[in-house]
PDB file of all heavy atoms in Angstrom:
ATOM      1  N   MET A   1       0.854  -1.228  -0.012  1.00  0.00           N
ATOM      2  CA  MET A   1      -0.023   0.000  -0.002  1.00  0.00           C
ATOM      3  C   MET A   1       0.867   1.235  -0.005  1.00  0.00           C
ATOM      4  O   MET A   1       1.818   1.409   0.804  1.00  0.00           O
ATOM      5  CB  MET A   1      -0.881   0.050   1.218  1.00  0.00           C
ATOM      6  CG  MET A   1      -1.995  -1.101   1.214  1.00  0.00           C
ATOM      7  SD  MET A   1      -2.722  -1.312   2.857  1.00  0.00           S
ATOM      8  CE  MET A   1      -1.473  -2.348   3.679  1.00  0.00           C
ATOM      9  N   LEU A   2       0.555   2.166  -0.904  1.00  0.00           N
ATOM     10  CA  LEU A   2       1.246   3.474  -0.965  1.00  0.00           C
ATOM     11  C   LEU A   2       0.197   4.553  -0.661  1.00  0.00           C
ATOM     12  O   LEU A   2      -0.910   4.556  -1.236  1.00  0.00           O
ATOM     13  CB  LEU A   2       1.851   3.741  -2.344  1.00  0.00           C
ATOM     14  CG  LEU A   2       3.047   2.854  -2.730  1.00  0.00           C
ATOM     15  CD1 LEU A   2       3.440   3.146  -4.183  1.00  0.00           C
ATOM     16  CD2 LEU A   2       4.193   3.136  -1.804  1.00  0.00           C
ATOM     17  N   GLY A   3       0.515   5.365   0.404  1.00  0.00           N
ATOM     18  CA  GLY A   3      -0.439   6.401   0.740  1.00  0.00           C
ATOM     19  C   GLY A   3       0.203   7.804   0.770  1.00  0.00           C
ATOM     20  O   GLY A   3       1.373   7.970   0.883  1.00  0.00           O
ATOM     21  N   ALA A   4      -0.729   8.793   0.611  1.00  0.00           N
ATOM     22  CA  ALA A   4      -0.254  10.160   0.691  1.00  0.00           C
ATOM     23  C   ALA A   4      -1.316  10.960   1.399  1.00  0.00           C
ATOM     24  O   ALA A   4      -2.557  10.730   1.192  1.00  0.00           O
ATOM     25  CB  ALA A   4      -0.047  10.763  -0.729  1.00  0.00           C
ATOM     26  N   MET A   5      -0.943  11.902   2.252  1.00  0.00           N
ATOM     27  CA  MET A   5      -1.812  12.792   2.997  1.00  0.00           C
ATOM     28  C   MET A   5      -1.307  14.287   2.861  1.00  0.00           C
ATOM     29  O   MET A   5      -0.081  14.509   2.857  1.00  0.00           O
ATOM     30  CB  MET A   5      -1.900  12.407   4.477  1.00  0.00           C
ATOM     31  CG  MET A   5      -2.366  10.962   4.674  1.00  0.00           C
ATOM     32  SD  MET A   5      -2.414  10.528   6.413  1.00  0.00           S
ATOM     33  CE  MET A   5      -3.946  11.310   6.936  1.00  0.00           C
ATOM     34  N   TYR A   6      -2.253  15.178   2.708  1.00  0.00           N
ATOM     35  CA  TYR A   6      -1.896  16.575   2.625  1.00  0.00           C
ATOM     36  C   TYR A   6      -2.949  17.394   3.351  1.00  0.00           C
ATOM     37  O   TYR A   6      -4.136  17.117   3.149  1.00  0.00           O
ATOM     38  CB  TYR A   6      -1.737  17.054   1.157  1.00  0.00           C
ATOM     39  CG  TYR A   6      -1.486  18.571   1.109  1.00  0.00           C
ATOM     40  CD1 TYR A   6      -0.337  19.124   1.500  1.00  0.00           C
ATOM     41  CD2 TYR A   6      -2.563  19.376   0.617  1.00  0.00           C
ATOM     42  CE1 TYR A   6      -0.192  20.489   1.434  1.00  0.00           C
ATOM     43  CE2 TYR A   6      -2.366  20.772   0.507  1.00  0.00           C
ATOM     44  CZ  TYR A   6      -1.197  21.308   0.927  1.00  0.00           C
ATOM     45  OH  TYR A   6      -1.019  22.711   0.906  1.00  0.00           O
ATOM     46  N   ALA A   7      -2.553  18.418   4.077  1.00  0.00           N
ATOM     47  CA  ALA A   7      -3.483  19.165   4.873  1.00  0.00           C
ATOM     48  C   ALA A   7      -3.556  20.631   4.269  1.00  0.00           C
ATOM     49  O   ALA A   7      -2.619  21.434   4.486  1.00  0.00           O
ATOM     50  CB  ALA A   7      -3.102  19.277   6.310  1.00  0.00           C
ATOM     51  N   PRO A   8      -4.548  20.994   3.562  1.00  0.00           N
ATOM     52  CA  PRO A   8      -4.714  22.365   3.066  1.00  0.00           C
ATOM     53  C   PRO A   8      -5.040  23.349   4.145  1.00  0.00           C
ATOM     54  O   PRO A   8      -4.911  24.541   3.995  1.00  0.00           O
ATOM     55  CB  PRO A   8      -5.811  22.303   1.999  1.00  0.00           C
ATOM     56  CG  PRO A   8      -6.587  21.059   2.379  1.00  0.00           C
ATOM     57  CD  PRO A   8      -5.615  20.104   3.028  1.00  0.00           C
ATOM     58  N   SER A   9      -5.558  22.837   5.279  1.00  0.00           N
ATOM     59  CA  SER A   9      -5.800  23.690   6.453  1.00  0.00           C
ATOM     60  C   SER A   9      -5.623  22.796   7.707  1.00  0.00           C
ATOM     61  O   SER A   9      -5.476  21.597   7.622  1.00  0.00           O
ATOM     62  CB  SER A   9      -7.246  24.242   6.415  1.00  0.00           C
ATOM     63  OG  SER A   9      -8.224  23.175   6.735  1.00  0.00           O
ATOM     64  N   ASP A  10      -5.662  23.463   8.866  1.00  0.00           N
ATOM     65  CA  ASP A  10      -5.539  22.727  10.152  1.00  0.00           C
ATOM     66  C   ASP A  10      -6.671  21.755  10.339  1.00  0.00           C
ATOM     67  O   ASP A  10      -6.504  20.820  11.136  1.00  0.00           O
ATOM     68  CB  ASP A  10      -5.329  23.685  11.321  1.00  0.00           C
ATOM     69  CG  ASP A  10      -3.965  24.326  11.396  1.00  0.00           C
ATOM     70  OD1 ASP A  10      -3.058  23.723  10.831  1.00  0.00           O
ATOM     71  OD2 ASP A  10      -3.877  25.403  11.965  1.00  0.00           O
ATOM     72  N   ASN A  11      -7.814  22.042   9.804  1.00  0.00           N
ATOM     73  CA  ASN A  11      -8.964  21.204  10.034  1.00  0.00           C
ATOM     74  C   ASN A  11      -9.242  20.187   8.956  1.00  0.00           C
ATOM     75  O   ASN A  11     -10.033  19.233   9.218  1.00  0.00           O
ATOM     76  CB  ASN A  11     -10.230  22.151  10.167  1.00  0.00           C
ATOM     77  CG  ASN A  11     -10.212  22.868  11.454  1.00  0.00           C
ATOM     78  OD1 ASN A  11      -9.656  22.501  12.512  1.00  0.00           O
ATOM     79  ND2 ASN A  11     -10.790  24.079  11.424  1.00  0.00           N
ATOM     80  N   LEU A  12      -8.653  20.303   7.847  1.00  0.00           N
ATOM     81  CA  LEU A  12      -8.879  19.346   6.738  1.00  0.00           C
ATOM     82  C   LEU A  12      -7.663  18.669   6.232  1.00  0.00           C
ATOM     83  O   LEU A  12      -6.678  19.390   5.902  1.00  0.00           O
ATOM     84  CB  LEU A  12      -9.607  20.058   5.588  1.00  0.00           C
ATOM     85  CG  LEU A  12      -9.892  19.240   4.351  1.00  0.00           C
ATOM     86  CD1 LEU A  12     -10.906  18.156   4.693  1.00  0.00           C
ATOM     87  CD2 LEU A  12     -10.385  20.122   3.172  1.00  0.00           C
ATOM     88  N   THR A  13      -7.660  17.386   6.184  1.00  0.00           N
ATOM     89  CA  THR A  13      -6.584  16.558   5.635  1.00  0.00           C
ATOM     90  C   THR A  13      -7.127  15.708   4.571  1.00  0.00           C
ATOM     91  O   THR A  13      -8.128  15.021   4.712  1.00  0.00           O
ATOM     92  CB  THR A  13      -5.909  15.694   6.773  1.00  0.00           C
ATOM     93  OG1 THR A  13      -5.297  16.582   7.710  1.00  0.00           O
ATOM     94  CG2 THR A  13      -4.836  14.803   6.076  1.00  0.00           C
ATOM     95  N   LEU A  14      -6.474  15.767   3.325  1.00  0.00           N
ATOM     96  CA  LEU A  14      -6.812  14.875   2.224  1.00  0.00           C
ATOM     97  C   LEU A  14      -5.963  13.654   2.233  1.00  0.00           C
ATOM     98  O   LEU A  14      -4.738  13.702   2.522  1.00  0.00           O
ATOM     99  CB  LEU A  14      -6.701  15.630   0.934  1.00  0.00           C
ATOM    100  CG  LEU A  14      -7.492  16.999   0.878  1.00  0.00           C
ATOM    101  CD1 LEU A  14      -7.222  17.688  -0.461  1.00  0.00           C
ATOM    102  CD2 LEU A  14      -8.933  16.739   1.090  1.00  0.00           C
ATOM    103  N   MET A  15      -6.549  12.492   1.854  1.00  0.00           N
ATOM    104  CA  MET A  15      -5.816  11.232   1.891  1.00  0.00           C
ATOM    105  C   MET A  15      -6.123  10.380   0.657  1.00  0.00           C
ATOM    106  O   MET A  15      -7.263  10.321   0.210  1.00  0.00           O
ATOM    107  CB  MET A  15      -6.175  10.474   3.196  1.00  0.00           C
ATOM    108  CG  MET A  15      -5.451   9.130   3.347  1.00  0.00           C
ATOM    109  SD  MET A  15      -5.835   8.359   4.944  1.00  0.00           S
ATOM    110  CE  MET A  15      -7.565   7.936   4.731  1.00  0.00           C
ATOM    111  N   ALA A  16      -5.081   9.735   0.117  1.00  0.00           N
ATOM    112  CA  ALA A  16      -5.283   8.785  -0.952  1.00  0.00           C
ATOM    113  C   ALA A  16      -4.418   7.548  -0.688  1.00  0.00           C
ATOM    114  O   ALA A  16      -3.327   7.662  -0.167  1.00  0.00           O
ATOM    115  CB  ALA A  16      -4.822   9.430  -2.316  1.00  0.00           C
ATOM    116  N   MET A  17      -5.005   6.386  -1.046  1.00  0.00           N
ATOM    117  CA  MET A  17      -4.304   5.111  -0.810  1.00  0.00           C
ATOM    118  C   MET A  17      -4.443   4.213  -2.066  1.00  0.00           C
ATOM    119  O   MET A  17      -5.562   3.943  -2.474  1.00  0.00           O
ATOM    120  CB  MET A  17      -4.829   4.424   0.396  1.00  0.00           C
ATOM    121  CG  MET A  17      -4.235   3.094   0.670  1.00  0.00           C
ATOM    122  SD  MET A  17      -2.518   3.154   1.265  1.00  0.00           S
ATOM    123  CE  MET A  17      -2.830   3.870   2.936  1.00  0.00           C
ATOM    124  N   ALA A  18      -3.304   3.807  -2.656  1.00  0.00           N
ATOM    125  CA  ALA A  18      -3.266   2.887  -3.721  1.00  0.00           C
ATOM    126  C   ALA A  18      -2.708   1.542  -3.270  1.00  0.00           C
ATOM    127  O   ALA A  18      -1.911   1.561  -2.313  1.00  0.00           O
ATOM    128  CB  ALA A  18      -2.550   3.417  -4.917  1.00  0.00           C
ATOM    129  N   SER A  19      -3.001   0.445  -3.871  1.00  0.00           N
ATOM    130  CA  SER A  19      -2.453  -0.837  -3.408  1.00  0.00           C
ATOM    131  C   SER A  19      -2.187  -1.761  -4.620  1.00  0.00           C
ATOM    132  O   SER A  19      -2.786  -1.631  -5.675  1.00  0.00           O
ATOM    133  CB  SER A  19      -3.522  -1.469  -2.484  1.00  0.00           C
ATOM    134  OG  SER A  19      -4.702  -1.699  -3.109  1.00  0.00           O
ATOM    135  N   VAL A  20      -1.297  -2.693  -4.342  1.00  0.00           N
ATOM    136  CA  VAL A  20      -1.061  -3.853  -5.285  1.00  0.00           C
ATOM    137  C   VAL A  20      -1.274  -5.085  -4.456  1.00  0.00           C
ATOM    138  O   VAL A  20      -0.751  -5.239  -3.355  1.00  0.00           O
ATOM    139  CB  VAL A  20       0.417  -3.798  -5.794  1.00  0.00           C
ATOM    140  CG1 VAL A  20       0.594  -5.065  -6.675  1.00  0.00           C
ATOM    141  CG2 VAL A  20       0.580  -2.541  -6.677  1.00  0.00           C
ATOM    142  N   ILE A  21      -2.157  -5.983  -4.983  1.00  0.00           N
ATOM    143  CA  ILE A  21      -2.594  -7.169  -4.182  1.00  0.00           C
ATOM    144  C   ILE A  21      -2.201  -8.432  -4.970  1.00  0.00           C
ATOM    145  O   ILE A  21      -2.327  -8.492  -6.190  1.00  0.00           O
ATOM    146  CB  ILE A  21      -4.096  -7.123  -3.962  1.00  0.00           C
ATOM    147  CG1 ILE A  21      -4.463  -5.818  -3.233  1.00  0.00           C
ATOM    148  CG2 ILE A  21      -4.631  -8.309  -3.217  1.00  0.00           C
ATOM    149  CD1 ILE A  21      -5.964  -5.538  -3.138  1.00  0.00           C
ATOM    150  N   SER A  22      -1.821  -9.451  -4.255  1.00  0.00           N
ATOM    151  CA  SER A  22      -1.626 -10.794  -4.802  1.00  0.00           C
ATOM    152  C   SER A  22      -2.253 -11.819  -3.877  1.00  0.00           C
ATOM    153  O   SER A  22      -2.169 -11.789  -2.668  1.00  0.00           O
ATOM    154  CB  SER A  22      -0.127 -11.101  -4.989  1.00  0.00           C
ATOM    155  OG  SER A  22       0.553 -11.106  -3.757  1.00  0.00           O
ATOM    156  N   ASN A  23      -3.026 -12.731  -4.486  1.00  0.00           N
ATOM    157  CA  ASN A  23      -3.718 -13.797  -3.808  1.00  0.00           C
ATOM    158  C   ASN A  23      -3.317 -15.122  -4.333  1.00  0.00           C
ATOM    159  O   ASN A  23      -3.065 -15.393  -5.527  1.00  0.00           O
ATOM    160  CB  ASN A  23      -5.276 -13.688  -4.053  1.00  0.00           C
ATOM    161  CG  ASN A  23      -5.848 -12.398  -3.550  1.00  0.00           C
ATOM    162  OD1 ASN A  23      -5.524 -11.928  -2.439  1.00  0.00           O
ATOM    163  ND2 ASN A  23      -6.713 -11.757  -4.355  1.00  0.00           N
ATOM    164  N   ASP A  24      -3.142 -16.057  -3.442  1.00  0.00           N
ATOM    165  CA  ASP A  24      -2.857 -17.482  -3.722  1.00  0.00           C
ATOM    166  C   ASP A  24      -3.722 -18.426  -2.951  1.00  0.00           C
ATOM    167  O   ASP A  24      -3.960 -18.190  -1.738  1.00  0.00           O
ATOM    168  CB  ASP A  24      -1.354 -17.767  -3.408  1.00  0.00           C
ATOM    169  CG  ASP A  24      -0.379 -16.985  -4.251  1.00  0.00           C
ATOM    170  OD1 ASP A  24      -0.091 -17.469  -5.397  1.00  0.00           O
ATOM    171  OD2 ASP A  24       0.060 -15.972  -3.801  1.00  0.00           O
ATOM    172  N   MET A  25      -4.295 -19.363  -3.658  1.00  0.00           N
ATOM    173  CA  MET A  25      -5.200 -20.350  -2.947  1.00  0.00           C
ATOM    174  C   MET A  25      -4.783 -21.726  -3.331  1.00  0.00           C
ATOM    175  O   MET A  25      -4.621 -22.048  -4.538  1.00  0.00           O
ATOM    176  CB  MET A  25      -6.629 -20.102  -3.295  1.00  0.00           C
ATOM    177  CG  MET A  25      -7.622 -21.045  -2.596  1.00  0.00           C
ATOM    178  SD  MET A  25      -9.364 -20.726  -2.991  1.00  0.00           S
ATOM    179  CE  MET A  25      -9.697 -19.277  -2.034  1.00  0.00           C
ATOM    180  N   ASP A  26      -4.699 -22.639  -2.392  1.00  0.00           N
ATOM    181  CA  ASP A  26      -4.441 -24.074  -2.612  1.00  0.00           C
ATOM    182  C   ASP A  26      -5.745 -24.808  -2.402  1.00  0.00           C
ATOM    183  O   ASP A  26      -6.529 -24.591  -1.437  1.00  0.00           O
ATOM    184  CB  ASP A  26      -3.396 -24.612  -1.583  1.00  0.00           C
ATOM    185  CG  ASP A  26      -2.034 -23.969  -1.807  1.00  0.00           C
ATOM    186  OD1 ASP A  26      -1.746 -23.571  -2.960  1.00  0.00           O
ATOM    187  OD2 ASP A  26      -1.230 -23.911  -0.853  1.00  0.00           O
ATOM    188  N   LEU A  27      -6.051 -25.704  -3.320  1.00  0.00           N
ATOM    189  CA  LEU A  27      -7.326 -26.478  -3.323  1.00  0.00           C
ATOM    190  C   LEU A  27      -7.074 -27.951  -3.576  1.00  0.00           C
ATOM    191  O   LEU A  27      -6.027 -28.316  -4.033  1.00  0.00           O
ATOM    192  CB  LEU A  27      -8.254 -25.899  -4.408  1.00  0.00           C
ATOM    193  CG  LEU A  27      -8.490 -24.379  -4.342  1.00  0.00           C
ATOM    194  CD1 LEU A  27      -7.673 -23.693  -5.398  1.00  0.00           C
ATOM    195  CD2 LEU A  27      -9.986 -24.037  -4.573  1.00  0.00           C
ATOM    196  N   VAL A  28      -8.163 -28.744  -3.389  1.00  0.00           N
ATOM    197  CA  VAL A  28      -8.019 -30.154  -3.686  1.00  0.00           C
ATOM    198  C   VAL A  28      -9.374 -30.627  -4.234  1.00  0.00           C
ATOM    199  O   VAL A  28     -10.442 -30.123  -3.809  1.00  0.00           O
ATOM    200  CB  VAL A  28      -7.661 -30.952  -2.388  1.00  0.00           C
ATOM    201  CG1 VAL A  28      -8.796 -30.874  -1.329  1.00  0.00           C
ATOM    202  CG2 VAL A  28      -7.440 -32.431  -2.717  1.00  0.00           C
ATOM    203  N   THR A  29      -9.351 -31.530  -5.211  1.00  0.00           N
ATOM    204  CA  THR A  29     -10.639 -32.018  -5.819  1.00  0.00           C
ATOM    205  C   THR A  29     -11.091 -33.256  -5.138  1.00  0.00           C
ATOM    206  O   THR A  29     -10.414 -33.862  -4.253  1.00  0.00           O
ATOM    207  CB  THR A  29     -10.339 -32.398  -7.313  1.00  0.00           C
ATOM    208  OG1 THR A  29      -9.521 -33.520  -7.370  1.00  0.00           O
ATOM    209  CG2 THR A  29      -9.675 -31.182  -8.028  1.00  0.00           C
ATOM    210  N   ARG A  30     -12.241 -33.772  -5.497  1.00  0.00           N
ATOM    211  CA  ARG A  30     -12.813 -35.015  -4.938  1.00  0.00           C
ATOM    212  C   ARG A  30     -11.895 -36.230  -5.246  1.00  0.00           C
ATOM    213  O   ARG A  30     -11.860 -37.182  -4.492  1.00  0.00           O
ATOM    214  CB  ARG A  30     -14.215 -35.277  -5.497  1.00  0.00           C
ATOM    215  CG  ARG A  30     -15.321 -34.480  -4.744  1.00  0.00           C
ATOM    216  CD  ARG A  30     -16.698 -34.835  -5.305  1.00  0.00           C
ATOM    217  NE  ARG A  30     -17.719 -34.159  -4.632  1.00  0.00           N
ATOM    218  CZ  ARG A  30     -19.016 -34.191  -5.006  1.00  0.00           C
ATOM    219  NH1 ARG A  30     -19.371 -34.966  -6.030  1.00  0.00           N
ATOM    220  NH2 ARG A  30     -19.923 -33.516  -4.313  1.00  0.00           N
ATOM    221  N   MET A  31     -11.159 -36.111  -6.331  1.00  0.00           N
ATOM    222  CA  MET A  31     -10.294 -37.201  -6.740  1.00  0.00           C
ATOM    223  C   MET A  31      -8.957 -37.150  -6.008  1.00  0.00           C
ATOM    224  O   MET A  31      -8.090 -37.914  -6.238  1.00  0.00           O
ATOM    225  CB  MET A  31     -10.080 -37.137  -8.249  1.00  0.00           C
ATOM    226  CG  MET A  31     -11.334 -37.203  -9.108  1.00  0.00           C
ATOM    227  SD  MET A  31     -12.328 -38.723  -8.750  1.00  0.00           S
ATOM    228  CE  MET A  31     -11.225 -39.911  -9.391  1.00  0.00           C
TER     229      MET A  31
END
């Protein structure tokens, strides 16, 4: 995850978050 935050004022902060995801699953059949 890569994130960035910036505050244009003391009361408001803007935030963005991008991500790269990888999934792996192990399975078995009836056979």
